[in-house]
Amino acid sequence: MLLVTSNPRTYSDTRTATGPLLFISGQVPVADDGTVPGDIAAQTRLVLRKIEAHLAAHRLDWDAVVKVTYFLRDIGDLRSFREAVLAELPEPRPAASLVEVSNLIDPRFRIEIEAIADLGGATTR
């Protein structure tokens, strides 16, 4: 079987989880002051940092994240989105799914991201 991957990779093909899981609900690009960045790269960075804050509250970092789901409103944003993910997420990156959606809860939002982290430690296969 041929396994097709992207290069550079914004995800791992598989991750394993050994402990209880932390489910982080879909995070949207609203800054603490209520503003929403206009471009996809800034929105992606903001949402990833919000997830990082949730992880830190549980004494975790990105190494513990086993799965993320990206909801992208416009697949035309893919290149800038990928560049932001590559710049923000350390290796090993989590397993991931990317879904193009017709709308998000607020028309200013270009992305929403949810994550699953392993509270007991994660490994890459």
N, C-alpha and C. Protein backbone atom coordinates (compact mmCIF):
# COMPACT_ATOMS: atom_id res chain seq x y z
N MET A 1 0.84 -1.16 0.00
CA MET A 1 0.00 0.00 0.00
C MET A 1 0.89 1.24 0.00
N LEU A 2 0.57 2.19 -0.85
CA LEU A 2 1.29 3.44 -0.94
C LEU A 2 0.73 4.42 0.08
N LEU A 3 1.59 4.94 0.95
CA LEU A 3 1.18 5.96 1.92
C LEU A 3 1.62 7.31 1.39
N VAL A 4 0.69 8.22 1.20
CA VAL A 4 0.98 9.54 0.66
C VAL A 4 1.02 10.54 1.81
N THR A 5 2.08 11.32 1.88
CA THR A 5 2.21 12.34 2.91
C THR A 5 2.60 13.66 2.28
N SER A 6 2.38 14.75 2.99
CA SER A 6 2.79 16.06 2.51
C SER A 6 4.19 16.36 3.02
N ASN A 7 4.87 17.26 2.37
CA ASN A 7 6.20 17.62 2.78
C ASN A 7 6.36 19.12 2.60
N PRO A 8 6.69 19.95 3.56
CA PRO A 8 6.89 19.53 4.93
C PRO A 8 5.56 19.15 5.59
N ARG A 9 5.66 18.28 6.55
CA ARG A 9 4.47 17.72 7.17
C ARG A 9 3.96 18.58 8.31
N THR A 10 2.66 18.84 8.25
CA THR A 10 2.01 19.59 9.32
C THR A 10 1.36 18.66 10.32
N TYR A 11 1.62 17.35 10.20
CA TYR A 11 0.97 16.35 11.04
C TYR A 11 1.83 15.10 11.13
N SER A 12 1.51 14.21 12.07
CA SER A 12 2.08 12.86 12.15
C SER A 12 1.03 11.90 11.62
N ASP A 13 1.47 10.81 11.01
CA ASP A 13 0.51 9.82 10.53
C ASP A 13 -0.25 9.17 11.67
N THR A 14 0.46 8.84 12.75
CA THR A 14 -0.19 8.22 13.91
C THR A 14 0.46 8.72 15.19
N ARG A 15 -0.32 8.75 16.25
CA ARG A 15 0.16 9.01 17.60
C ARG A 15 -0.56 8.02 18.51
N THR A 16 0.09 7.60 19.58
CA THR A 16 -0.58 6.72 20.53
C THR A 16 -0.79 7.46 21.85
N ALA A 17 -1.82 7.04 22.55
CA ALA A 17 -2.14 7.64 23.85
C ALA A 17 -2.16 6.53 24.90
N THR A 18 -1.60 6.82 26.08
CA THR A 18 -1.52 5.80 27.12
C THR A 18 -2.36 6.13 28.35
N GLY A 19 -2.74 7.36 28.49
CA GLY A 19 -3.44 7.76 29.71
C GLY A 19 -4.80 8.36 29.43
N PRO A 20 -5.40 8.95 30.44
CA PRO A 20 -6.67 9.64 30.22
C PRO A 20 -6.47 10.75 29.19
N LEU A 21 -7.54 11.11 28.51
CA LEU A 21 -7.47 12.11 27.45
C LEU A 21 -8.08 13.44 27.88
N LEU A 22 -7.51 14.51 27.37
CA LEU A 22 -8.04 15.85 27.56
C LEU A 22 -8.62 16.30 26.22
N PHE A 23 -9.89 16.64 26.19
CA PHE A 23 -10.56 17.09 24.97
C PHE A 23 -10.70 18.61 25.04
N ILE A 24 -10.09 19.30 24.09
CA ILE A 24 -10.17 20.76 24.03
C ILE A 24 -11.17 21.12 22.94
N SER A 25 -12.25 21.75 23.34
CA SER A 25 -13.29 22.14 22.40
C SER A 25 -12.74 23.06 21.33
N GLY A 26 -13.49 23.16 20.24
CA GLY A 26 -13.09 24.03 19.14
C GLY A 26 -12.79 25.44 19.62
N GLN A 27 -11.58 25.90 19.31
CA GLN A 27 -11.14 27.23 19.69
C GLN A 27 -11.23 28.14 18.47
N VAL A 28 -11.67 29.37 18.70
CA VAL A 28 -11.87 30.32 17.61
C VAL A 28 -10.96 31.53 17.80
N PRO A 29 -10.73 32.30 16.73
CA PRO A 29 -9.73 33.37 16.77
C PRO A 29 -10.22 34.70 17.35
N VAL A 30 -10.61 34.68 18.61
CA VAL A 30 -10.99 35.92 19.29
C VAL A 30 -9.90 36.21 20.33
N ALA A 31 -9.26 37.35 20.19
CA ALA A 31 -8.21 37.75 21.13
C ALA A 31 -8.84 38.16 22.47
N ASP A 32 -8.00 38.29 23.48
CA ASP A 32 -8.48 38.67 24.82
C ASP A 32 -9.24 39.99 24.83
N ASP A 33 -8.88 40.88 23.91
CA ASP A 33 -9.56 42.18 23.85
C ASP A 33 -10.81 42.15 22.96
N GLY A 34 -11.17 40.97 22.48
CA GLY A 34 -12.38 40.81 21.67
C GLY A 34 -12.18 40.99 20.18
N THR A 35 -10.98 41.33 19.76
CA THR A 35 -10.72 41.52 18.34
C THR A 35 -10.50 40.19 17.64
N VAL A 36 -10.71 40.20 16.32
CA VAL A 36 -10.49 39.02 15.49
C VAL A 36 -9.52 39.42 14.38
N PRO A 37 -8.34 38.79 14.30
CA PRO A 37 -7.41 39.12 13.22
C PRO A 37 -8.07 38.87 11.86
N GLY A 38 -7.64 39.63 10.86
CA GLY A 38 -8.27 39.52 9.56
C GLY A 38 -7.76 38.41 8.68
N ASP A 39 -6.49 38.03 8.83
CA ASP A 39 -5.93 37.04 7.89
C ASP A 39 -5.80 35.67 8.54
N ILE A 40 -5.75 34.65 7.70
CA ILE A 40 -5.75 33.26 8.17
C ILE A 40 -4.50 32.93 8.98
N ALA A 41 -3.35 33.46 8.60
CA ALA A 41 -2.13 33.14 9.34
C ALA A 41 -2.22 33.65 10.78
N ALA A 42 -2.66 34.88 10.95
CA ALA A 42 -2.79 35.45 12.30
C ALA A 42 -3.87 34.72 13.09
N GLN A 43 -4.97 34.37 12.44
CA GLN A 43 -6.02 33.63 13.13
C GLN A 43 -5.52 32.25 13.56
N THR A 44 -4.77 31.59 12.69
CA THR A 44 -4.24 30.26 13.03
C THR A 44 -3.29 30.35 14.21
N ARG A 45 -2.37 31.30 14.18
CA ARG A 45 -1.42 31.47 15.29
C ARG A 45 -2.16 31.74 16.60
N LEU A 46 -3.16 32.61 16.56
CA LEU A 46 -3.93 32.94 17.77
C LEU A 46 -4.62 31.71 18.33
N VAL A 47 -5.26 30.94 17.47
CA VAL A 47 -5.99 29.76 17.95
C VAL A 47 -5.02 28.72 18.51
N LEU A 48 -3.89 28.50 17.84
CA LEU A 48 -2.91 27.55 18.36
C LEU A 48 -2.39 27.99 19.72
N ARG A 49 -2.20 29.27 19.91
CA ARG A 49 -1.73 29.77 21.21
C ARG A 49 -2.81 29.63 22.28
N LYS A 50 -4.08 29.76 21.90
CA LYS A 50 -5.16 29.53 22.86
C LYS A 50 -5.17 28.07 23.30
N ILE A 51 -4.96 27.16 22.36
CA ILE A 51 -4.89 25.74 22.71
C ILE A 51 -3.69 25.50 23.62
N GLU A 52 -2.57 26.14 23.31
CA GLU A 52 -1.38 26.01 24.15
C GLU A 52 -1.66 26.47 25.58
N ALA A 53 -2.45 27.51 25.75
CA ALA A 53 -2.81 27.99 27.10
C ALA A 53 -3.65 26.95 27.84
N HIS A 54 -4.58 26.30 27.13
CA HIS A 54 -5.37 25.23 27.76
C HIS A 54 -4.46 24.07 28.17
N LEU A 55 -3.51 23.74 27.31
CA LEU A 55 -2.56 22.68 27.64
C LEU A 55 -1.75 23.05 28.88
N ALA A 56 -1.25 24.26 28.92
CA ALA A 56 -0.43 24.71 30.05
C ALA A 56 -1.21 24.66 31.36
N ALA A 57 -2.51 24.92 31.29
CA ALA A 57 -3.34 24.85 32.50
C ALA A 57 -3.39 23.44 33.07
N HIS A 58 -3.06 22.45 32.24
CA HIS A 58 -3.02 21.05 32.68
C HIS A 58 -1.58 20.54 32.75
N ARG A 59 -0.64 21.48 32.75
CA ARG A 59 0.80 21.15 32.79
C ARG A 59 1.22 20.28 31.61
N LEU A 60 0.68 20.60 30.45
CA LEU A 60 1.01 19.89 29.23
C LEU A 60 1.56 20.87 28.21
N ASP A 61 2.17 20.32 27.15
CA ASP A 61 2.55 21.13 26.01
C ASP A 61 2.15 20.39 24.74
N TRP A 62 2.60 20.86 23.60
CA TRP A 62 2.17 20.26 22.33
C TRP A 62 2.59 18.80 22.19
N ASP A 63 3.63 18.37 22.90
CA ASP A 63 4.03 16.96 22.83
C ASP A 63 2.91 16.03 23.26
N ALA A 64 2.01 16.49 24.10
CA ALA A 64 0.92 15.65 24.60
C ALA A 64 -0.26 15.57 23.64
N VAL A 65 -0.30 16.44 22.65
CA VAL A 65 -1.45 16.47 21.73
C VAL A 65 -1.32 15.34 20.73
N VAL A 66 -2.34 14.49 20.71
CA VAL A 66 -2.32 13.33 19.81
C VAL A 66 -3.15 13.56 18.56
N LYS A 67 -4.12 14.48 18.61
CA LYS A 67 -5.00 14.68 17.45
C LYS A 67 -5.54 16.10 17.46
N VAL A 68 -5.54 16.72 16.28
CA VAL A 68 -6.20 18.01 16.10
C VAL A 68 -7.12 17.90 14.89
N THR A 69 -8.19 18.66 14.94
CA THR A 69 -9.07 18.79 13.78
C THR A 69 -9.14 20.27 13.45
N TYR A 70 -8.79 20.58 12.20
CA TYR A 70 -8.82 21.94 11.70
C TYR A 70 -10.08 22.12 10.86
N PHE A 71 -10.84 23.15 11.16
CA PHE A 71 -12.01 23.50 10.36
C PHE A 71 -11.67 24.81 9.65
N LEU A 72 -11.48 24.72 8.35
CA LEU A 72 -11.05 25.85 7.54
C LEU A 72 -12.20 26.30 6.66
N ARG A 73 -12.52 27.59 6.70
CA ARG A 73 -13.67 28.08 5.94
C ARG A 73 -13.40 28.19 4.45
N ASP A 74 -12.15 28.37 4.07
CA ASP A 74 -11.82 28.53 2.65
C ASP A 74 -10.54 27.76 2.36
N ILE A 75 -10.64 26.71 1.56
CA ILE A 75 -9.48 25.89 1.26
C ILE A 75 -8.41 26.70 0.52
N GLY A 76 -8.81 27.84 -0.04
CA GLY A 76 -7.85 28.74 -0.66
C GLY A 76 -6.85 29.32 0.34
N ASP A 77 -7.16 29.23 1.63
CA ASP A 77 -6.27 29.69 2.70
C ASP A 77 -5.22 28.64 3.07
N LEU A 78 -5.24 27.50 2.39
CA LEU A 78 -4.42 26.36 2.81
C LEU A 78 -2.94 26.70 2.93
N ARG A 79 -2.38 27.39 1.97
CA ARG A 79 -0.93 27.66 2.00
C ARG A 79 -0.55 28.50 3.23
N SER A 80 -1.24 29.59 3.46
CA SER A 80 -0.93 30.44 4.62
C SER A 80 -1.21 29.72 5.93
N PHE A 81 -2.28 28.94 5.96
CA PHE A 81 -2.59 28.12 7.14
C PHE A 81 -1.45 27.16 7.43
N ARG A 82 -1.00 26.44 6.41
CA ARG A 82 0.09 25.46 6.61
C ARG A 82 1.36 26.13 7.10
N GLU A 83 1.69 27.28 6.52
CA GLU A 83 2.89 28.00 6.96
C GLU A 83 2.80 28.37 8.44
N ALA A 84 1.63 28.80 8.87
CA ALA A 84 1.45 29.16 10.28
C ALA A 84 1.59 27.93 11.18
N VAL A 85 1.00 26.82 10.77
CA VAL A 85 1.10 25.59 11.56
C VAL A 85 2.55 25.13 11.65
N LEU A 86 3.25 25.14 10.53
CA LEU A 86 4.65 24.72 10.53
C LEU A 86 5.50 25.61 11.43
N ALA A 87 5.19 26.90 11.48
CA ALA A 87 5.96 27.83 12.31
C ALA A 87 5.64 27.68 13.80
N GLU A 88 4.42 27.30 14.12
CA GLU A 88 3.96 27.28 15.52
C GLU A 88 4.11 25.93 16.20
N LEU A 89 3.86 24.84 15.49
CA LEU A 89 3.82 23.53 16.15
C LEU A 89 5.18 22.83 16.08
N PRO A 90 5.68 22.40 17.23
CA PRO A 90 6.94 21.67 17.25
C PRO A 90 6.75 20.23 16.79
N GLU A 91 7.84 19.59 16.41
CA GLU A 91 7.82 18.16 16.10
C GLU A 91 7.82 17.39 17.42
N PRO A 92 7.21 16.25 17.53
CA PRO A 92 6.33 15.65 16.53
C PRO A 92 4.97 16.33 16.54
N ARG A 93 4.45 16.56 15.37
CA ARG A 93 3.13 17.18 15.28
C ARG A 93 2.06 16.12 15.48
N PRO A 94 0.90 16.54 15.95
CA PRO A 94 -0.17 15.57 16.19
C PRO A 94 -0.76 15.03 14.89
N ALA A 95 -1.43 13.89 15.01
CA ALA A 95 -2.25 13.43 13.89
C ALA A 95 -3.30 14.50 13.65
N ALA A 96 -3.75 14.63 12.41
CA ALA A 96 -4.65 15.75 12.11
C ALA A 96 -5.64 15.43 11.01
N SER A 97 -6.76 16.11 11.08
CA SER A 97 -7.75 16.12 10.01
C SER A 97 -8.02 17.58 9.67
N LEU A 98 -8.20 17.84 8.38
CA LEU A 98 -8.54 19.18 7.91
C LEU A 98 -9.87 19.09 7.17
N VAL A 99 -10.82 19.90 7.60
CA VAL A 99 -12.16 19.88 7.02
C VAL A 99 -12.49 21.28 6.53
N GLU A 100 -12.88 21.39 5.27
CA GLU A 100 -13.38 22.68 4.79
C GLU A 100 -14.86 22.76 5.13
N VAL A 101 -15.25 23.88 5.73
CA VAL A 101 -16.65 24.08 6.13
C VAL A 101 -17.20 25.32 5.42
N SER A 102 -18.50 25.36 5.24
CA SER A 102 -19.10 26.50 4.55
C SER A 102 -19.17 27.73 5.44
N ASN A 103 -19.32 27.55 6.73
CA ASN A 103 -19.41 28.66 7.67
C ASN A 103 -18.91 28.23 9.04
N LEU A 104 -18.53 29.24 9.83
CA LEU A 104 -18.26 29.05 11.25
C LEU A 104 -19.22 29.96 12.00
N ILE A 105 -19.21 29.93 13.31
CA ILE A 105 -20.21 30.61 14.12
C ILE A 105 -20.23 32.13 13.91
N ASP A 106 -19.09 32.70 13.53
CA ASP A 106 -18.99 34.14 13.28
C ASP A 106 -18.38 34.31 11.88
N PRO A 107 -18.95 35.15 11.04
CA PRO A 107 -18.44 35.28 9.67
C PRO A 107 -17.01 35.81 9.58
N ARG A 108 -16.49 36.40 10.66
CA ARG A 108 -15.09 36.85 10.65
C ARG A 108 -14.11 35.70 10.84
N PHE A 109 -14.57 34.59 11.37
CA PHE A 109 -13.69 33.45 11.66
C PHE A 109 -13.37 32.70 10.37
N ARG A 110 -12.08 32.48 10.15
CA ARG A 110 -11.64 31.70 9.00
C ARG A 110 -11.23 30.28 9.41
N ILE A 111 -11.05 30.08 10.74
CA ILE A 111 -10.58 28.78 11.23
C ILE A 111 -11.12 28.52 12.63
N GLU A 112 -11.29 27.24 12.93
CA GLU A 112 -11.57 26.75 14.28
C GLU A 112 -10.75 25.48 14.43
N ILE A 113 -10.19 25.28 15.62
CA ILE A 113 -9.34 24.11 15.85
C ILE A 113 -9.74 23.46 17.16
N GLU A 114 -9.89 22.12 17.14
CA GLU A 114 -10.10 21.36 18.38
C GLU A 114 -8.94 20.39 18.53
N ALA A 115 -8.69 19.98 19.76
CA ALA A 115 -7.52 19.13 20.03
C ALA A 115 -7.84 18.08 21.08
N ILE A 116 -7.10 16.98 20.99
CA ILE A 116 -7.16 15.91 21.99
C ILE A 116 -5.73 15.69 22.48
N ALA A 117 -5.55 15.76 23.79
CA ALA A 117 -4.23 15.57 24.39
C ALA A 117 -4.26 14.37 25.32
N ASP A 118 -3.11 13.74 25.45
CA ASP A 118 -2.93 12.59 26.32
C ASP A 118 -2.36 13.06 27.65
N LEU A 119 -3.13 12.91 28.71
CA LEU A 119 -2.67 13.32 30.04
C LEU A 119 -1.58 12.41 30.59
N GLY A 120 -1.39 11.24 29.96
CA GLY A 120 -0.40 10.28 30.45
C GLY A 120 0.86 10.19 29.62
N GLY A 121 0.97 10.94 28.55
CA GLY A 121 2.14 10.88 27.69
C GLY A 121 1.80 10.31 26.33
N ALA A 122 2.34 10.88 25.29
CA ALA A 122 2.03 10.47 23.92
C ALA A 122 3.31 10.09 23.19
N THR A 123 3.19 9.22 22.21
CA THR A 123 4.33 8.83 21.39
C THR A 123 3.93 8.87 19.92
N THR A 124 4.94 9.01 19.07
CA THR A 124 4.72 9.01 17.62
C THR A 124 5.16 7.68 17.06
N ARG A 125 4.39 7.16 16.14
CA ARG A 125 4.74 5.92 15.45
C ARG A 125 5.09 6.23 14.03
